Amino acid sequence: MQQSIKVTLLSWWEKLKPIHGVVYFVILLILCHFAWKMAFVEHTEIPRKVTFLWFDVTQIFSFAVHNLTDVVYFLLKDILDVNIIKISNFFVYPDKAVIDIVWSCSGFKQAYIFFTVIAFYPGKHIHKLWYIPLGLVVVYVFNVFRIALITYLLRDNLGWFDVLHEGSKYVFYAIIFLIWVIWAEKFNKSSI
C-alpha cells in the first residue's frame, strides 16, 4: 500500500515536470509570506511600533518609509507638478484628502521575497551576485511608482484605496514572478 502511494505520487510529480519551477516558486513564495507574518508584528497603539522576533525594528522601517515618501513626493510634486503637501509620512491634498504611508508600504516584504526566491532557487552564485541587487532595484522602483500612482489616484476619490492598494499588491507579485521567470529561463539551466 505504502509503495503504491509512493509510486503514484512520483508518477504524478513526473507528469508535472514542465511546471516544477513554478511549483518551487509558489512554495517559496508561500513560505516567505508566512515566515514574514510570523516574524513581524505591527503594534497599532500610538506611537506605532514594529517588532521582528520581539526586537524593535521601528527605526529601520521609519527610515525606509520617510525615504520612500521623500522620493514619491519628489516624483509627484517636482516631476509631475501635482498640488500636494508632505507632512512627515503623510500626503495631504488641498481638499484635505490624506494618505498615510505606513511601514508595510516600504516594500521590504517584497524585497525579502524576491531575495529569498532567487537565493534559494538553483543557479550559479556568480550570476546571483549581480541579479539579486538588480532585481532589488527593480522592486524598489516599482514600489515607488506604485505608491506614487496610488497617492495620485486617491486625490479625487479616497474610496478607491482598497481596490488600488490590494490590486497593486498582486501586480507587485506578478513583477516578482516575471523577474523570477527571467532568472529561471535565462540564468538557470538546471531543472528542479
N, C-alpha and C. Protein backbone atom coordinates (compact mmCIF):
# COMPACT_ATOMS: atom_id res chain seq x y z
N MET A 1 0.82 -1.20 0.00
CA MET A 1 0.00 0.00 0.00
C MET A 1 0.87 1.27 0.00
N GLN A 2 1.84 1.30 0.91
CA GLN A 2 2.72 2.46 1.01
C GLN A 2 3.54 2.63 -0.27
N GLN A 3 4.00 1.54 -0.82
CA GLN A 3 4.77 1.57 -2.07
C GLN A 3 3.89 2.08 -3.21
N SER A 4 2.64 1.68 -3.22
CA SER A 4 1.70 2.10 -4.26
C SER A 4 1.48 3.62 -4.20
N ILE A 5 1.34 4.15 -3.00
CA ILE A 5 1.15 5.60 -2.84
C ILE A 5 2.39 6.35 -3.30
N LYS A 6 3.55 5.81 -2.94
CA LYS A 6 4.82 6.44 -3.34
C LYS A 6 4.95 6.46 -4.86
N VAL A 7 4.64 5.35 -5.50
CA VAL A 7 4.72 5.26 -6.96
C VAL A 7 3.73 6.22 -7.61
N THR A 8 2.53 6.30 -7.06
CA THR A 8 1.51 7.21 -7.59
C THR A 8 1.96 8.67 -7.47
N LEU A 9 2.49 9.03 -6.31
CA LEU A 9 2.97 10.40 -6.11
C LEU A 9 4.13 10.73 -7.05
N LEU A 10 5.08 9.81 -7.18
CA LEU A 10 6.21 10.04 -8.10
C LEU A 10 5.74 10.15 -9.54
N SER A 11 4.76 9.33 -9.91
CA SER A 11 4.20 9.39 -11.26
C SER A 11 3.52 10.74 -11.49
N TRP A 12 2.74 11.17 -10.50
CA TRP A 12 2.06 12.45 -10.58
C TRP A 12 3.07 13.59 -10.68
N TRP A 13 4.13 13.54 -9.88
CA TRP A 13 5.17 14.57 -9.89
C TRP A 13 5.88 14.61 -11.24
N GLU A 14 6.10 13.44 -11.83
CA GLU A 14 6.76 13.36 -13.13
C GLU A 14 5.91 14.01 -14.22
N LYS A 15 4.60 13.85 -14.12
CA LYS A 15 3.70 14.47 -15.09
C LYS A 15 3.74 16.00 -15.00
N LEU A 16 4.04 16.50 -13.82
CA LEU A 16 4.12 17.95 -13.61
C LEU A 16 5.50 18.53 -13.91
N LYS A 17 6.38 17.73 -14.48
CA LYS A 17 7.76 18.17 -14.73
C LYS A 17 7.86 19.52 -15.42
N PRO A 18 7.02 19.83 -16.41
CA PRO A 18 7.14 21.13 -17.07
C PRO A 18 6.92 22.33 -16.14
N ILE A 19 6.22 22.13 -15.02
CA ILE A 19 5.95 23.26 -14.13
C ILE A 19 6.62 23.10 -12.76
N HIS A 20 7.64 22.24 -12.68
CA HIS A 20 8.35 22.08 -11.40
C HIS A 20 8.87 23.40 -10.86
N GLY A 21 9.44 24.21 -11.74
CA GLY A 21 9.98 25.50 -11.31
C GLY A 21 8.91 26.41 -10.74
N VAL A 22 7.74 26.43 -11.38
CA VAL A 22 6.64 27.27 -10.90
C VAL A 22 6.16 26.77 -9.54
N VAL A 23 6.08 25.46 -9.38
CA VAL A 23 5.67 24.88 -8.10
C VAL A 23 6.68 25.29 -7.02
N TYR A 24 7.96 25.19 -7.34
CA TYR A 24 9.02 25.59 -6.40
C TYR A 24 8.88 27.07 -6.04
N PHE A 25 8.64 27.92 -7.06
CA PHE A 25 8.45 29.35 -6.83
C PHE A 25 7.28 29.59 -5.88
N VAL A 26 6.15 28.95 -6.14
CA VAL A 26 4.95 29.16 -5.32
C VAL A 26 5.20 28.69 -3.89
N ILE A 27 5.88 27.57 -3.73
CA ILE A 27 6.18 27.07 -2.38
C ILE A 27 7.07 28.08 -1.64
N LEU A 28 8.11 28.58 -2.31
CA LEU A 28 8.98 29.59 -1.69
C LEU A 28 8.20 30.86 -1.35
N LEU A 29 7.33 31.29 -2.25
CA LEU A 29 6.52 32.49 -2.01
C LEU A 29 5.63 32.32 -0.78
N ILE A 30 4.97 31.18 -0.68
CA ILE A 30 4.09 30.93 0.46
C ILE A 30 4.89 30.84 1.75
N LEU A 31 6.01 30.13 1.73
CA LEU A 31 6.85 30.03 2.93
C LEU A 31 7.36 31.40 3.37
N CYS A 32 7.79 32.22 2.41
CA CYS A 32 8.27 33.57 2.73
C CYS A 32 7.15 34.41 3.33
N HIS A 33 5.97 34.31 2.75
CA HIS A 33 4.84 35.09 3.24
C HIS A 33 4.53 34.73 4.70
N PHE A 34 4.44 33.44 4.99
CA PHE A 34 4.11 33.03 6.34
C PHE A 34 5.25 33.30 7.33
N ALA A 35 6.49 33.16 6.89
CA ALA A 35 7.62 33.49 7.76
C ALA A 35 7.58 34.98 8.11
N TRP A 36 7.26 35.82 7.13
CA TRP A 36 7.15 37.26 7.38
C TRP A 36 6.04 37.55 8.37
N LYS A 37 4.88 36.94 8.15
CA LYS A 37 3.74 37.18 9.05
C LYS A 37 4.03 36.73 10.48
N MET A 38 4.81 35.67 10.62
CA MET A 38 5.13 35.17 11.95
C MET A 38 6.22 36.01 12.63
N ALA A 39 7.13 36.57 11.85
CA ALA A 39 8.28 37.27 12.42
C ALA A 39 8.03 38.74 12.71
N PHE A 40 7.19 39.39 11.89
CA PHE A 40 6.96 40.83 12.04
C PHE A 40 5.59 41.09 12.64
N VAL A 41 5.55 42.01 13.60
CA VAL A 41 4.29 42.39 14.24
C VAL A 41 4.22 43.92 14.27
N GLU A 42 3.07 44.44 13.84
CA GLU A 42 2.82 45.88 13.95
C GLU A 42 1.98 46.12 15.19
N HIS A 43 2.48 46.96 16.05
CA HIS A 43 1.75 47.35 17.25
C HIS A 43 1.00 48.63 16.90
N THR A 44 -0.31 48.58 16.95
CA THR A 44 -1.13 49.67 16.43
C THR A 44 -1.31 50.85 17.39
N GLU A 45 -0.94 50.66 18.65
CA GLU A 45 -1.08 51.79 19.57
C GLU A 45 -0.08 52.89 19.19
N ILE A 46 -0.40 54.10 19.58
CA ILE A 46 0.46 55.25 19.27
C ILE A 46 1.50 55.39 20.37
N PRO A 47 2.77 55.58 20.09
CA PRO A 47 3.35 55.61 18.76
C PRO A 47 3.44 54.20 18.16
N ARG A 48 3.30 54.15 16.85
CA ARG A 48 3.36 52.87 16.14
C ARG A 48 4.73 52.23 16.35
N LYS A 49 4.70 50.92 16.43
CA LYS A 49 5.95 50.19 16.65
C LYS A 49 5.91 48.92 15.80
N VAL A 50 7.08 48.51 15.29
CA VAL A 50 7.20 47.27 14.52
C VAL A 50 8.25 46.42 15.20
N THR A 51 7.94 45.14 15.42
CA THR A 51 8.92 44.24 16.01
C THR A 51 9.19 43.07 15.08
N PHE A 52 10.43 42.63 15.11
CA PHE A 52 10.87 41.45 14.38
C PHE A 52 11.39 40.48 15.43
N LEU A 53 10.68 39.37 15.61
CA LEU A 53 11.04 38.38 16.63
C LEU A 53 11.29 39.05 17.98
N TRP A 54 10.39 39.92 18.38
CA TRP A 54 10.40 40.62 19.66
C TRP A 54 11.45 41.73 19.76
N PHE A 55 12.18 42.00 18.68
CA PHE A 55 13.13 43.12 18.67
C PHE A 55 12.48 44.30 17.98
N ASP A 56 12.64 45.46 18.55
CA ASP A 56 12.06 46.68 17.98
C ASP A 56 12.86 47.09 16.74
N VAL A 57 12.20 47.08 15.59
CA VAL A 57 12.84 47.48 14.33
C VAL A 57 12.13 48.70 13.73
N THR A 58 11.42 49.42 14.59
CA THR A 58 10.64 50.57 14.15
C THR A 58 11.51 51.60 13.43
N GLN A 59 12.69 51.85 13.95
CA GLN A 59 13.55 52.89 13.35
C GLN A 59 13.96 52.54 11.93
N ILE A 60 14.22 51.27 11.67
CA ILE A 60 14.60 50.84 10.31
C ILE A 60 13.45 51.11 9.35
N PHE A 61 12.25 50.69 9.75
CA PHE A 61 11.09 50.90 8.89
C PHE A 61 10.73 52.38 8.77
N SER A 62 10.88 53.13 9.86
CA SER A 62 10.60 54.57 9.79
C SER A 62 11.54 55.26 8.82
N PHE A 63 12.82 54.90 8.87
CA PHE A 63 13.80 55.46 7.95
C PHE A 63 13.40 55.14 6.50
N ALA A 64 13.04 53.88 6.25
CA ALA A 64 12.66 53.47 4.90
C ALA A 64 11.41 54.20 4.43
N VAL A 65 10.42 54.33 5.31
CA VAL A 65 9.16 54.99 4.94
C VAL A 65 9.40 56.48 4.68
N HIS A 66 10.21 57.13 5.49
CA HIS A 66 10.49 58.55 5.26
C HIS A 66 11.25 58.76 3.95
N ASN A 67 12.18 57.88 3.65
CA ASN A 67 12.88 57.99 2.36
C ASN A 67 11.93 57.73 1.20
N LEU A 68 11.07 56.73 1.35
CA LEU A 68 10.09 56.43 0.31
C LEU A 68 9.16 57.62 0.07
N THR A 69 8.66 58.22 1.15
CA THR A 69 7.77 59.37 0.98
C THR A 69 8.50 60.56 0.36
N ASP A 70 9.78 60.73 0.68
CA ASP A 70 10.55 61.81 0.06
C ASP A 70 10.66 61.60 -1.46
N VAL A 71 10.95 60.36 -1.87
CA VAL A 71 11.10 60.06 -3.29
C VAL A 71 9.75 60.20 -4.00
N VAL A 72 8.69 59.68 -3.41
CA VAL A 72 7.35 59.79 -4.00
C VAL A 72 6.93 61.25 -4.09
N TYR A 73 7.22 62.01 -3.05
CA TYR A 73 6.88 63.44 -3.06
C TYR A 73 7.63 64.17 -4.18
N PHE A 74 8.90 63.89 -4.31
CA PHE A 74 9.69 64.48 -5.40
C PHE A 74 9.07 64.14 -6.75
N LEU A 75 8.71 62.88 -6.93
CA LEU A 75 8.11 62.44 -8.19
C LEU A 75 6.78 63.16 -8.45
N LEU A 76 5.93 63.21 -7.43
CA LEU A 76 4.61 63.83 -7.60
C LEU A 76 4.70 65.35 -7.73
N LYS A 77 5.42 65.98 -6.82
CA LYS A 77 5.45 67.45 -6.74
C LYS A 77 6.37 68.06 -7.80
N ASP A 78 7.60 67.58 -7.86
CA ASP A 78 8.60 68.21 -8.70
C ASP A 78 8.60 67.72 -10.15
N ILE A 79 8.27 66.47 -10.35
CA ILE A 79 8.29 65.93 -11.72
C ILE A 79 6.91 66.07 -12.37
N LEU A 80 5.86 65.65 -11.67
CA LEU A 80 4.51 65.65 -12.24
C LEU A 80 3.70 66.90 -11.90
N ASP A 81 4.26 67.78 -11.06
CA ASP A 81 3.62 69.04 -10.69
C ASP A 81 2.23 68.84 -10.08
N VAL A 82 2.11 67.86 -9.20
CA VAL A 82 0.86 67.60 -8.50
C VAL A 82 0.79 68.52 -7.28
N ASN A 83 -0.37 69.11 -7.05
CA ASN A 83 -0.56 70.01 -5.92
C ASN A 83 -0.78 69.18 -4.66
N ILE A 84 0.31 68.90 -3.95
CA ILE A 84 0.26 68.02 -2.78
C ILE A 84 1.25 68.53 -1.74
N ILE A 85 0.95 68.25 -0.49
CA ILE A 85 1.83 68.64 0.62
C ILE A 85 2.27 67.37 1.33
N LYS A 86 3.53 67.34 1.75
CA LYS A 86 4.05 66.20 2.51
C LYS A 86 4.30 66.66 3.94
N ILE A 87 3.70 65.95 4.88
CA ILE A 87 3.93 66.21 6.30
C ILE A 87 4.36 64.89 6.91
N SER A 88 5.65 64.79 7.22
CA SER A 88 6.23 63.54 7.72
C SER A 88 5.97 62.44 6.69
N ASN A 89 5.22 61.40 7.05
CA ASN A 89 4.94 60.34 6.09
C ASN A 89 3.48 60.39 5.62
N PHE A 90 2.89 61.58 5.66
CA PHE A 90 1.53 61.80 5.18
C PHE A 90 1.57 62.67 3.93
N PHE A 91 0.70 62.34 2.98
CA PHE A 91 0.48 63.22 1.83
C PHE A 91 -0.89 63.84 2.01
N VAL A 92 -0.95 65.17 1.84
CA VAL A 92 -2.19 65.90 2.04
C VAL A 92 -2.49 66.68 0.77
N TYR A 93 -3.72 66.49 0.25
CA TYR A 93 -4.18 67.28 -0.88
C TYR A 93 -4.91 68.51 -0.37
N PRO A 94 -4.96 69.58 -1.18
CA PRO A 94 -5.62 70.81 -0.73
C PRO A 94 -7.05 70.61 -0.24
N ASP A 95 -7.77 69.64 -0.78
CA ASP A 95 -9.14 69.41 -0.34
C ASP A 95 -9.18 68.54 0.91
N LYS A 96 -8.02 68.37 1.55
CA LYS A 96 -7.84 67.67 2.82
C LYS A 96 -7.85 66.14 2.71
N ALA A 97 -7.75 65.59 1.52
CA ALA A 97 -7.58 64.14 1.38
C ALA A 97 -6.20 63.79 1.93
N VAL A 98 -6.12 62.81 2.83
CA VAL A 98 -4.87 62.47 3.48
C VAL A 98 -4.53 61.01 3.20
N ILE A 99 -3.29 60.78 2.80
CA ILE A 99 -2.80 59.43 2.56
C ILE A 99 -1.63 59.20 3.51
N ASP A 100 -1.73 58.15 4.31
CA ASP A 100 -0.71 57.80 5.30
C ASP A 100 0.15 56.67 4.74
N ILE A 101 1.44 56.91 4.62
CA ILE A 101 2.37 55.87 4.17
C ILE A 101 2.91 55.18 5.42
N VAL A 102 2.62 53.90 5.56
CA VAL A 102 2.97 53.16 6.78
C VAL A 102 4.09 52.17 6.50
N TRP A 103 4.54 51.49 7.56
CA TRP A 103 5.70 50.61 7.47
C TRP A 103 5.53 49.53 6.42
N SER A 104 4.33 49.01 6.24
CA SER A 104 4.13 47.93 5.28
C SER A 104 4.21 48.41 3.83
N CYS A 105 4.22 49.72 3.62
CA CYS A 105 4.38 50.29 2.28
C CYS A 105 5.85 50.32 1.84
N SER A 106 6.75 50.01 2.75
CA SER A 106 8.18 50.16 2.49
C SER A 106 8.70 49.28 1.35
N GLY A 107 8.02 48.19 1.06
CA GLY A 107 8.48 47.26 0.02
C GLY A 107 9.48 46.25 0.55
N PHE A 108 9.78 46.29 1.86
CA PHE A 108 10.73 45.34 2.45
C PHE A 108 10.26 43.89 2.28
N LYS A 109 8.98 43.66 2.45
CA LYS A 109 8.47 42.29 2.34
C LYS A 109 8.68 41.75 0.92
N GLN A 110 8.37 42.56 -0.07
CA GLN A 110 8.54 42.13 -1.46
C GLN A 110 10.01 41.95 -1.80
N ALA A 111 10.85 42.83 -1.27
CA ALA A 111 12.30 42.69 -1.49
C ALA A 111 12.81 41.40 -0.85
N TYR A 112 12.34 41.12 0.36
CA TYR A 112 12.71 39.88 1.06
C TYR A 112 12.26 38.65 0.27
N ILE A 113 11.03 38.69 -0.24
CA ILE A 113 10.52 37.55 -1.02
C ILE A 113 11.34 37.37 -2.28
N PHE A 114 11.61 38.46 -3.00
CA PHE A 114 12.42 38.35 -4.20
C PHE A 114 13.81 37.78 -3.88
N PHE A 115 14.45 38.34 -2.87
CA PHE A 115 15.78 37.88 -2.48
C PHE A 115 15.76 36.38 -2.16
N THR A 116 14.80 35.96 -1.36
CA THR A 116 14.74 34.56 -0.94
C THR A 116 14.48 33.63 -2.11
N VAL A 117 13.55 34.01 -2.99
CA VAL A 117 13.23 33.16 -4.14
C VAL A 117 14.47 32.95 -5.01
N ILE A 118 15.17 34.01 -5.32
CA ILE A 118 16.35 33.88 -6.19
C ILE A 118 17.50 33.20 -5.43
N ALA A 119 17.70 33.56 -4.17
CA ALA A 119 18.81 32.97 -3.40
C ALA A 119 18.65 31.47 -3.24
N PHE A 120 17.43 30.99 -3.07
CA PHE A 120 17.21 29.56 -2.84
C PHE A 120 16.81 28.80 -4.10
N TYR A 121 16.74 29.49 -5.22
CA TYR A 121 16.44 28.82 -6.48
C TYR A 121 17.77 28.39 -7.11
N PRO A 122 17.79 27.25 -7.77
CA PRO A 122 19.05 26.81 -8.38
C PRO A 122 19.60 27.83 -9.38
N GLY A 123 20.88 27.87 -9.47
CA GLY A 123 21.55 28.77 -10.39
C GLY A 123 22.95 29.09 -9.90
N LYS A 124 23.76 29.61 -10.78
CA LYS A 124 25.14 29.93 -10.41
C LYS A 124 25.18 31.14 -9.49
N HIS A 125 25.97 31.01 -8.44
CA HIS A 125 26.09 32.09 -7.46
C HIS A 125 26.70 33.34 -8.07
N ILE A 126 27.55 33.18 -9.03
CA ILE A 126 28.18 34.35 -9.66
C ILE A 126 27.13 35.23 -10.32
N HIS A 127 26.11 34.61 -10.93
CA HIS A 127 25.02 35.39 -11.53
C HIS A 127 24.12 36.00 -10.46
N LYS A 128 23.95 35.29 -9.35
CA LYS A 128 23.11 35.81 -8.27
C LYS A 128 23.71 37.07 -7.65
N LEU A 129 25.04 37.18 -7.69
CA LEU A 129 25.72 38.35 -7.11
C LEU A 129 25.33 39.65 -7.80
N TRP A 130 24.98 39.60 -9.06
CA TRP A 130 24.54 40.82 -9.74
C TRP A 130 23.03 40.82 -9.97
N TYR A 131 22.42 39.64 -10.12
CA TYR A 131 20.99 39.58 -10.43
C TYR A 131 20.13 39.99 -9.22
N ILE A 132 20.52 39.57 -8.04
CA ILE A 132 19.74 39.93 -6.85
C ILE A 132 19.75 41.44 -6.62
N PRO A 133 20.91 42.12 -6.61
CA PRO A 133 20.87 43.58 -6.43
C PRO A 133 20.08 44.30 -7.54
N LEU A 134 20.24 43.84 -8.79
CA LEU A 134 19.49 44.44 -9.89
C LEU A 134 17.99 44.25 -9.69
N GLY A 135 17.59 43.06 -9.28
CA GLY A 135 16.19 42.78 -9.01
C GLY A 135 15.65 43.61 -7.85
N LEU A 136 16.47 43.81 -6.84
CA LEU A 136 16.05 44.64 -5.70
C LEU A 136 15.82 46.09 -6.13
N VAL A 137 16.63 46.56 -7.07
CA VAL A 137 16.42 47.92 -7.61
C VAL A 137 15.08 47.97 -8.35
N VAL A 138 14.80 46.95 -9.14
CA VAL A 138 13.51 46.89 -9.86
C VAL A 138 12.36 46.88 -8.87
N VAL A 139 12.46 46.09 -7.81
CA VAL A 139 11.42 46.03 -6.78
C VAL A 139 11.24 47.40 -6.13
N TYR A 140 12.33 48.08 -5.80
CA TYR A 140 12.25 49.40 -5.18
C TYR A 140 11.59 50.42 -6.12
N VAL A 141 12.04 50.44 -7.37
CA VAL A 141 11.50 51.41 -8.34
C VAL A 141 10.01 51.15 -8.56
N PHE A 142 9.64 49.87 -8.69
CA PHE A 142 8.21 49.58 -8.85
C PHE A 142 7.43 50.04 -7.63
N ASN A 143 7.97 49.84 -6.44
CA ASN A 143 7.27 50.27 -5.23
C ASN A 143 7.08 51.78 -5.21
N VAL A 144 8.08 52.53 -5.61
CA VAL A 144 7.96 53.99 -5.67
C VAL A 144 6.83 54.38 -6.63
N PHE A 145 6.81 53.78 -7.82
CA PHE A 145 5.76 54.10 -8.78
C PHE A 145 4.39 53.63 -8.30
N ARG A 146 4.35 52.52 -7.60
CA ARG A 146 3.09 52.01 -7.05
C ARG A 146 2.51 52.99 -6.03
N ILE A 147 3.35 53.42 -5.09
CA ILE A 147 2.88 54.35 -4.06
C ILE A 147 2.51 55.70 -4.70
N ALA A 148 3.31 56.17 -5.66
CA ALA A 148 3.00 57.44 -6.33
C ALA A 148 1.69 57.34 -7.10
N LEU A 149 1.47 56.26 -7.79
CA LEU A 149 0.24 56.10 -8.57
C LEU A 149 -0.98 56.02 -7.65
N ILE A 150 -0.88 55.24 -6.58
CA ILE A 150 -1.99 55.15 -5.63
C ILE A 150 -2.28 56.52 -5.03
N THR A 151 -1.24 57.21 -4.60
CA THR A 151 -1.41 58.54 -4.00
C THR A 151 -2.04 59.51 -4.99
N TYR A 152 -1.58 59.47 -6.22
CA TYR A 152 -2.11 60.36 -7.26
C TYR A 152 -3.59 60.06 -7.53
N LEU A 153 -3.93 58.80 -7.67
CA LEU A 153 -5.30 58.42 -7.99
C LEU A 153 -6.27 58.63 -6.83
N LEU A 154 -5.74 58.66 -5.61
CA LEU A 154 -6.61 58.87 -4.44
C LEU A 154 -6.96 60.34 -4.22
N ARG A 155 -6.35 61.23 -4.95
CA ARG A 155 -6.60 62.66 -4.73
C ARG A 155 -8.06 63.02 -4.96
N ASP A 156 -8.73 62.30 -5.84
CA ASP A 156 -10.13 62.61 -6.15
C ASP A 156 -11.12 61.67 -5.48
N ASN A 157 -10.66 60.50 -5.08
CA ASN A 157 -11.60 59.53 -4.51
C ASN A 157 -10.89 58.58 -3.55
N LEU A 158 -10.95 58.90 -2.26
CA LEU A 158 -10.32 58.03 -1.26
C LEU A 158 -10.99 56.66 -1.18
N GLY A 159 -12.19 56.54 -1.68
CA GLY A 159 -12.90 55.27 -1.67
C GLY A 159 -12.26 54.21 -2.54
N TRP A 160 -11.37 54.61 -3.41
CA TRP A 160 -10.68 53.65 -4.29
C TRP A 160 -9.51 52.97 -3.59
N PHE A 161 -9.21 53.38 -2.36
CA PHE A 161 -8.00 52.89 -1.70
C PHE A 161 -7.90 51.37 -1.70
N ASP A 162 -8.91 50.69 -1.21
CA ASP A 162 -8.83 49.23 -1.10
C ASP A 162 -8.57 48.57 -2.45
N VAL A 163 -9.27 49.00 -3.47
CA VAL A 163 -9.10 48.41 -4.81
C VAL A 163 -7.69 48.67 -5.33
N LEU A 164 -7.23 49.92 -5.22
CA LEU A 164 -5.89 50.26 -5.72
C LEU A 164 -4.79 49.58 -4.92
N HIS A 165 -4.92 49.61 -3.61
CA HIS A 165 -3.89 49.05 -2.75
C HIS A 165 -3.82 47.54 -2.90
N GLU A 166 -4.95 46.86 -2.81
CA GLU A 166 -4.95 45.40 -2.93
C GLU A 166 -4.57 44.96 -4.34
N GLY A 167 -5.09 45.64 -5.35
CA GLY A 167 -4.75 45.29 -6.73
C GLY A 167 -3.28 45.46 -7.02
N SER A 168 -2.68 46.52 -6.48
CA SER A 168 -1.26 46.76 -6.75
C SER A 168 -0.37 45.71 -6.08
N LYS A 169 -0.84 45.11 -4.98
CA LYS A 169 -0.08 44.03 -4.35
C LYS A 169 0.08 42.86 -5.31
N TYR A 170 -1.01 42.53 -6.01
CA TYR A 170 -0.96 41.41 -6.95
C TYR A 170 -0.05 41.73 -8.14
N VAL A 171 -0.08 42.98 -8.57
CA VAL A 171 0.83 43.39 -9.64
C VAL A 171 2.27 43.28 -9.15
N PHE A 172 2.50 43.65 -7.88
CA PHE A 172 3.84 43.55 -7.29
C PHE A 172 4.33 42.10 -7.35
N TYR A 173 3.48 41.17 -6.96
CA TYR A 173 3.87 39.76 -7.00
C TYR A 173 4.04 39.27 -8.44
N ALA A 174 3.27 39.81 -9.36
CA ALA A 174 3.44 39.46 -10.77
C ALA A 174 4.80 39.95 -11.28
N ILE A 175 5.23 41.13 -10.83
CA ILE A 175 6.55 41.65 -11.21
C ILE A 175 7.65 40.73 -10.67
N ILE A 176 7.50 40.32 -9.42
CA ILE A 176 8.48 39.40 -8.82
C ILE A 176 8.49 38.09 -9.60
N PHE A 177 7.32 37.59 -9.97
CA PHE A 177 7.23 36.36 -10.75
C PHE A 177 7.93 36.55 -12.10
N LEU A 178 7.70 37.67 -12.76
CA LEU A 178 8.33 37.94 -14.05
C LEU A 178 9.85 37.99 -13.92
N ILE A 179 10.36 38.63 -12.88
CA ILE A 179 11.81 38.68 -12.67
C ILE A 179 12.35 37.27 -12.43
N TRP A 180 11.58 36.47 -11.69
CA TRP A 180 11.99 35.08 -11.45
C TRP A 180 11.98 34.29 -12.76
N VAL A 181 10.96 34.49 -13.60
CA VAL A 181 10.88 33.77 -14.89
C VAL A 181 12.12 34.09 -15.73
N ILE A 182 12.51 35.35 -15.76
CA ILE A 182 13.72 35.73 -16.50
C ILE A 182 14.92 34.99 -15.93
N TRP A 183 15.02 34.93 -14.59
CA TRP A 183 16.11 34.19 -13.95
C TRP A 183 16.07 32.72 -14.34
N ALA A 184 14.91 32.11 -14.21
CA ALA A 184 14.77 30.68 -14.46
C ALA A 184 15.05 30.32 -15.93
N GLU A 185 14.63 31.19 -16.84
CA GLU A 185 14.78 30.90 -18.26
C GLU A 185 16.16 31.26 -18.81
N LYS A 186 16.75 32.32 -18.29
CA LYS A 186 18.00 32.82 -18.88
C LYS A 186 19.26 32.40 -18.11
N PHE A 187 19.15 32.24 -16.79
CA PHE A 187 20.35 32.03 -15.99
C PHE A 187 20.39 30.70 -15.24
N ASN A 188 19.29 30.01 -15.19
CA ASN A 188 19.26 28.72 -14.50
C ASN A 188 19.06 27.63 -15.55
N LYS A 189 20.06 26.85 -15.79
CA LYS A 189 19.98 25.81 -16.81
C LYS A 189 19.64 24.43 -16.23
N SER A 190 19.60 24.33 -14.91
CA SER A 190 19.25 23.05 -14.30
C SER A 190 17.75 22.98 -14.10
N SER A 191 17.23 21.80 -13.95
CA SER A 191 15.79 21.65 -13.71
C SER A 191 15.57 21.22 -12.28
N ILE A 192 14.39 21.56 -11.79
CA ILE A 192 14.02 21.20 -10.42
C ILE A 192 13.52 19.77 -10.42
